[in-house]
Amino acid sequence: MLNEDILKGKWKQIKGEAQKTWGKLTDDDLDQIDGDREIFLGRLQEKYGVAREEAEDMLNKFERDIAS
């Protein structure tokens, strides 16, 4: 898992990958997330209708994928 500082620091590079992975996230959503993990989780829950645990699993997998 990426820590919050890395997520925030690399957000400009990461957000393109996030948009590819989660097409339901708008540019506005991604600008509001701005590398904040809690906001990211909330947006995933809202846009994809999943529970927090599932959103965390989705985000953890994404973080593992982009870290490798």
Protein backbone atom coordinates (compact mmCIF):
# COMPACT_ATOMS: atom_id res chain seq x y z
CA MET A 1 0.00 0.00 0.00
CA LEU A 2 1.24 3.47 -0.79
CA ASN A 3 1.40 5.74 2.19
CA GLU A 4 -0.58 8.97 2.19
CA ASP A 5 2.50 11.13 1.49
CA ILE A 6 3.42 9.13 -1.62
CA LEU A 7 -0.19 9.11 -2.85
CA LYS A 8 -0.38 12.90 -2.41
CA GLY A 9 3.09 13.56 -3.82
CA LYS A 10 2.58 11.50 -6.95
CA TRP A 11 -1.11 12.27 -7.45
CA LYS A 12 -0.60 14.09 -10.76
CA GLN A 13 1.06 10.98 -12.25
CA ILE A 14 -1.29 8.53 -10.53
CA LYS A 15 -4.58 10.22 -11.39
CA GLY A 16 -4.39 9.21 -15.06
CA GLU A 17 -4.09 5.58 -13.99
CA ALA A 18 -6.96 6.06 -11.54
CA GLN A 19 -9.16 7.40 -14.35
CA LYS A 20 -8.28 4.40 -16.56
CA THR A 21 -9.06 2.00 -13.72
CA TRP A 22 -12.27 3.71 -12.57
CA GLY A 23 -13.94 5.32 -15.56
CA LYS A 24 -16.86 6.51 -13.45
CA LEU A 25 -14.58 8.98 -11.65
CA THR A 26 -14.81 12.36 -13.34
CA ASP A 27 -12.00 14.89 -13.69
CA ASP A 28 -13.77 16.86 -10.96
CA ASP A 29 -13.77 13.79 -8.67
CA LEU A 30 -10.07 13.27 -9.28
CA ASP A 31 -9.30 16.94 -8.60
CA GLN A 32 -11.23 16.75 -5.33
CA ILE A 33 -9.51 13.51 -4.30
CA ASP A 34 -6.10 15.18 -4.82
CA GLY A 35 -4.28 12.19 -3.33
CA ASP A 36 -6.42 12.02 -0.18
CA ARG A 37 -7.06 8.35 0.56
CA GLU A 38 -10.22 8.96 2.62
CA ILE A 39 -11.83 11.06 -0.11
CA PHE A 40 -10.72 8.46 -2.68
CA LEU A 41 -12.42 5.69 -0.69
CA GLY A 42 -15.58 7.77 -0.34
CA ARG A 43 -15.72 8.44 -4.08
CA LEU A 44 -15.26 4.75 -4.89
CA GLN A 45 -18.08 3.85 -2.50
CA GLU A 46 -20.35 6.52 -3.97
CA LYS A 47 -19.66 5.93 -7.67
CA TYR A 48 -19.51 2.14 -7.57
CA GLY A 49 -22.06 1.44 -4.83
CA VAL A 50 -19.70 -0.68 -2.75
CA ALA A 51 -19.13 -1.00 0.99
CA ARG A 52 -16.08 0.61 2.54
CA GLU A 53 -14.29 -2.74 2.85
CA GLU A 54 -14.71 -3.42 -0.86
CA ALA A 55 -13.55 0.12 -1.71
CA GLU A 56 -10.46 -0.46 0.45
CA ASP A 57 -9.76 -3.74 -1.34
CA MET A 58 -10.13 -2.00 -4.72
CA LEU A 59 -7.80 0.82 -3.70
CA ASN A 60 -5.25 -1.53 -2.12
CA LYS A 61 -5.10 -3.57 -5.34
CA PHE A 62 -4.70 -0.40 -7.39
CA GLU A 63 -1.88 0.79 -5.14
CA ARG A 64 -0.10 -2.57 -5.41
CA ASP A 65 -0.44 -2.49 -9.21
CA ILE A 66 0.97 1.00 -9.63
CA ALA A 67 3.76 0.41 -7.10
CA SER A 68 5.12 -2.56 -9.05
